[in-house]
N, C-alpha and C. Protein backbone atom coordinates (compact mmCIF):
# COMPACT_ATOMS: atom_id res chain seq x y z
N UNK A 1 -3.14 2.95 0.85
CA UNK A 1 -2.44 2.86 1.86
C UNK A 1 -0.64 3.87 2.79
N UNK A 2 -1.24 3.72 3.44
CA UNK A 2 0.54 4.94 4.35
C UNK A 2 1.87 4.32 3.46
N UNK A 3 2.64 4.78 4.04
CA UNK A 3 3.86 4.16 4.01
C UNK A 3 4.53 3.84 4.90
N UNK A 4 4.42 2.39 4.94
CA UNK A 4 5.48 1.20 6.07
C UNK A 4 6.68 1.91 6.26
N UNK A 5 7.81 1.67 7.27
CA UNK A 5 8.62 1.58 7.02
C UNK A 5 9.29 -0.73 7.75
N UNK A 6 9.73 -0.47 6.22
CA UNK A 6 10.51 -1.56 6.50
C UNK A 6 10.85 -2.52 7.82
N UNK A 7 11.56 -1.61 7.81
CA UNK A 7 12.52 -2.63 8.67
C UNK A 7 12.05 -2.34 10.20
N UNK A 8 11.43 -1.32 10.34
CA UNK A 8 10.28 -1.61 11.81
C UNK A 8 9.21 -3.10 11.63
N UNK A 9 8.71 -2.86 10.07
CA UNK A 9 7.47 -4.20 10.16
C UNK A 9 7.96 -5.68 10.10
N UNK A 10 9.80 -5.88 9.66
CA UNK A 10 10.04 -7.12 9.72
C UNK A 10 10.51 -7.37 11.10
N UNK A 11 10.60 -6.13 11.64
CA UNK A 11 10.98 -6.99 13.32
C UNK A 11 10.04 -7.01 14.14
N UNK A 12 9.21 -6.34 13.85
CA UNK A 12 7.94 -7.15 14.60
C UNK A 12 6.91 -8.26 13.78
N UNK A 13 7.50 -8.35 12.58
CA UNK A 13 6.60 -9.41 12.03
C UNK A 13 7.97 -10.49 12.98
N UNK A 14 8.79 -10.35 12.81
CA UNK A 14 9.70 -11.33 13.26
C UNK A 14 9.83 -11.30 14.50
N UNK A 15 9.21 -10.61 15.44
CA UNK A 15 8.99 -11.00 17.25
C UNK A 15 8.09 -11.58 17.23
N UNK A 16 7.27 -12.14 16.35
CA UNK A 16 5.85 -12.88 16.05
C UNK A 16 4.86 -12.34 16.18
N UNK A 17 5.06 -11.01 16.41
CA UNK A 17 3.25 -11.06 16.37
C UNK A 17 2.52 -11.21 14.83
N UNK A 18 0.70 -10.82 15.36
CA UNK A 18 0.18 -12.08 14.62
C UNK A 18 -0.65 -10.97 14.09
N UNK A 19 -0.87 -11.57 12.49
CA UNK A 19 -1.65 -10.93 11.79
C UNK A 19 -2.74 -9.41 12.72
N UNK A 20 -4.16 -9.80 13.34
CA UNK A 20 -4.47 -8.98 13.63
C UNK A 20 -4.23 -8.00 14.33
N UNK A 21 -2.57 -7.96 14.84
CA UNK A 21 -1.26 -7.23 15.72
C UNK A 21 -0.97 -6.45 15.27
N UNK A 22 -0.65 -6.75 13.63
CA UNK A 22 0.57 -6.04 12.94
C UNK A 22 -1.26 -5.30 12.14
N UNK A 23 -1.78 -6.10 11.55
CA UNK A 23 -3.39 -5.38 11.25
C UNK A 23 -3.57 -3.85 11.42
N UNK A 24 -3.38 -3.71 13.03
CA UNK A 24 -4.60 -2.75 13.96
C UNK A 24 -2.97 -1.68 14.04
N UNK A 25 -1.88 -2.51 13.97
CA UNK A 25 -0.58 -0.90 14.22
C UNK A 25 -0.21 -0.30 13.10
N UNK A 26 -0.55 -1.29 11.95
CA UNK A 26 0.23 -0.30 10.23
C UNK A 26 -0.94 0.03 9.96
N UNK A 27 -2.26 -0.37 10.24
CA UNK A 27 -4.07 0.42 9.88
C UNK A 27 -4.13 -0.79 8.44
N UNK A 28 -3.99 -1.34 8.25
CA UNK A 28 -3.99 -2.83 7.32
C UNK A 28 -5.34 -3.24 7.35
N UNK A 29 -6.14 -3.70 5.89
CA UNK A 29 -6.85 -5.14 6.34
C UNK A 29 -6.26 -5.91 6.28
N UNK A 30 -6.66 -7.27 6.13
CA UNK A 30 -6.45 -8.63 5.39
C UNK A 30 -5.76 -8.35 4.42
N UNK A 31 -6.22 -7.74 3.24
CA UNK A 31 -5.94 -7.77 1.56
C UNK A 31 -4.63 -6.98 2.38
N UNK A 32 -4.87 -5.60 2.80
CA UNK A 32 -3.48 -4.82 2.61
C UNK A 32 -2.21 -5.50 3.01
N UNK A 33 -2.74 -6.69 4.19
CA UNK A 33 -1.34 -7.10 4.95
C UNK A 33 -0.60 -7.61 3.84
N UNK A 34 -1.54 -8.53 3.07
CA UNK A 34 -1.08 -9.42 2.11
C UNK A 34 0.04 -9.14 1.14
N UNK A 35 -0.73 -8.18 0.79
CA UNK A 35 0.22 -7.29 -0.50
C UNK A 35 1.35 -6.43 0.18
N UNK A 36 1.27 -6.77 1.47
CA UNK A 36 2.88 -5.95 2.36
C UNK A 36 3.52 -6.84 2.25
N UNK A 37 3.27 -8.75 2.35
CA UNK A 37 4.29 -9.75 2.67
C UNK A 37 4.20 -9.69 1.62
N UNK A 38 3.68 -9.89 0.59
CA UNK A 38 4.34 -10.46 -0.94
C UNK A 38 4.96 -9.16 -1.25
N UNK A 39 4.86 -7.95 -0.92
CA UNK A 39 6.15 -6.32 -1.54
C UNK A 39 7.62 -6.94 -0.69
N UNK A 40 7.58 -7.24 0.19
CA UNK A 40 8.36 -7.94 1.02
C UNK A 40 9.17 -8.97 0.56
N UNK A 41 8.27 -10.13 -0.08
CA UNK A 41 8.86 -10.87 -0.39
C UNK A 41 9.22 -10.81 -1.96
N UNK A 42 9.21 -9.92 -2.44
CA UNK A 42 9.42 -9.53 -4.00
C UNK A 42 10.32 -8.81 -3.89
N UNK A 43 10.95 -8.05 -2.52
CA UNK A 43 12.03 -6.64 -2.56
C UNK A 43 13.13 -8.33 -1.88
N UNK A 44 12.99 -9.70 -1.96
CA UNK A 44 13.91 -10.14 -0.68
C UNK A 44 13.93 -9.80 0.14
N UNK A 45 13.51 -9.38 1.40
CA UNK A 45 13.44 -8.97 2.41
C UNK A 45 13.38 -9.36 3.34
N UNK A 46 12.08 -10.30 2.80
CA UNK A 46 11.96 -11.71 3.32
C UNK A 46 11.69 -12.66 2.61
N UNK A 47 11.92 -13.94 3.24
CA UNK A 47 11.93 -15.36 2.36
C UNK A 47 10.37 -15.93 2.80
N UNK A 48 10.03 -16.78 1.18
CA UNK A 48 8.77 -16.83 1.82
C UNK A 48 8.48 -18.29 2.53
N UNK A 49 9.92 -19.02 2.69
CA UNK A 49 10.07 -19.51 3.76
C UNK A 49 9.23 -19.14 4.90
N UNK A 50 9.85 -17.55 5.71
CA UNK A 50 9.93 -17.57 6.46
C UNK A 50 8.05 -16.91 6.70
N UNK A 51 7.37 -16.96 5.61
CA UNK A 51 5.95 -16.52 5.61
C UNK A 51 5.32 -18.23 5.80
N UNK A 52 5.70 -19.15 5.12
CA UNK A 52 5.03 -20.26 5.69
C UNK A 52 4.79 -20.65 6.74
N UNK A 53 6.23 -20.05 7.85
CA UNK A 53 6.74 -20.85 8.52
C UNK A 53 5.83 -20.40 9.72
N UNK A 54 5.63 -19.15 9.36
CA UNK A 54 3.99 -18.18 10.13
C UNK A 54 2.83 -18.31 9.73
N UNK A 55 2.18 -19.42 8.83
CA UNK A 55 1.45 -19.29 7.98
C UNK A 55 0.30 -20.62 8.92
N UNK A 56 0.30 -20.80 9.94
CA UNK A 56 -0.54 -21.40 10.65
C UNK A 56 -1.57 -20.81 10.49
N UNK A 57 -2.62 -21.75 10.44
CA UNK A 57 -4.23 -20.67 10.31
C UNK A 57 -4.32 -19.73 11.72
N UNK A 58 -4.23 -18.17 11.29
CA UNK A 58 -4.22 -17.48 12.21
C UNK A 58 -6.01 -17.11 12.87
N UNK A 59 -6.11 -16.39 13.45
CA UNK A 59 -7.56 -16.00 13.87
C UNK A 59 -7.86 -15.30 12.75
N UNK A 60 -7.33 -14.35 11.97
CA UNK A 60 -7.36 -13.34 10.85
C UNK A 60 -7.96 -14.44 9.47
N UNK A 61 -7.55 -15.18 9.64
CA UNK A 61 -7.27 -16.57 8.14
C UNK A 61 -8.65 -16.91 8.17
N UNK A 62 -8.84 -17.27 10.00
CA UNK A 62 -10.11 -18.30 10.06
C UNK A 62 -11.27 -17.44 9.77
N UNK A 63 -11.17 -16.08 10.39
CA UNK A 63 -12.37 -15.39 10.31
C UNK A 63 -12.70 -14.88 8.93
N UNK A 64 -11.80 -14.43 8.10
CA UNK A 64 -11.92 -14.51 7.15
C UNK A 64 -12.74 -15.65 6.75
N UNK A 65 -12.21 -16.89 6.47
CA UNK A 65 -13.03 -18.33 6.24
C UNK A 65 -14.58 -17.47 6.16
N UNK A 66 -14.19 -17.83 7.87
CA UNK A 66 -16.08 -18.02 7.60
C UNK A 66 -16.67 -16.81 7.56
N UNK A 67 -16.61 -15.34 7.04
CA UNK A 67 -17.10 -14.13 6.74
C UNK A 67 -17.51 -14.76 5.17
N UNK A 68 -16.16 -15.67 4.29
CA UNK A 68 -16.83 -15.58 3.01
C UNK A 68 -17.59 -16.98 2.75
N UNK A 69 -17.58 -17.79 3.84
CA UNK A 69 -18.37 -18.64 4.02
C UNK A 69 -19.54 -18.75 3.77
N UNK A 70 -20.16 -17.51 5.05
CA UNK A 70 -21.31 -17.20 5.26
C UNK A 70 -22.05 -16.01 3.91
N UNK A 71 -21.31 -15.42 3.25
CA UNK A 71 -21.39 -14.50 2.56
C UNK A 71 -21.94 -15.39 1.51
N UNK A 72 -21.54 -16.54 1.00
CA UNK A 72 -21.28 -17.44 -0.33
C UNK A 72 -22.87 -18.21 0.31
N UNK A 73 -23.28 -18.46 1.76
CA UNK A 73 -24.18 -19.41 2.07
C UNK A 73 -25.49 -18.12 1.80
N UNK A 74 -25.20 -17.23 2.50
CA UNK A 74 -26.16 -16.08 1.91
C UNK A 74 -26.24 -15.70 -0.09
N UNK A 75 -25.88 -15.56 -0.68
CA UNK A 75 -25.86 -15.48 -2.37
C UNK A 75 -27.20 -16.93 -2.05
N UNK A 76 -27.29 -18.05 -1.86
CA UNK A 76 -27.45 -18.84 -2.25
C UNK A 76 -28.47 -18.66 -2.09
N UNK A 77 -28.51 -18.19 -0.86
CA UNK A 77 -30.65 -18.21 -0.01
C UNK A 77 -31.44 -17.06 -0.84
């Protein structure tokens, strides 16, 4: 994973940038985005409350849920 400037990322996050846009801008996949967010919380750059406030089901989360569900269905077949 490339180095991400925390200050810029946090500004984008707080401006309301959604997950797909953050992932595209910072060249992250879903798991990479989650790791960045966890590191920012661990470093006290953002709060867990901030994450919960923005954690409404995003397009990315919904898409991932459908992909995971399809994988599970495929494994059963």
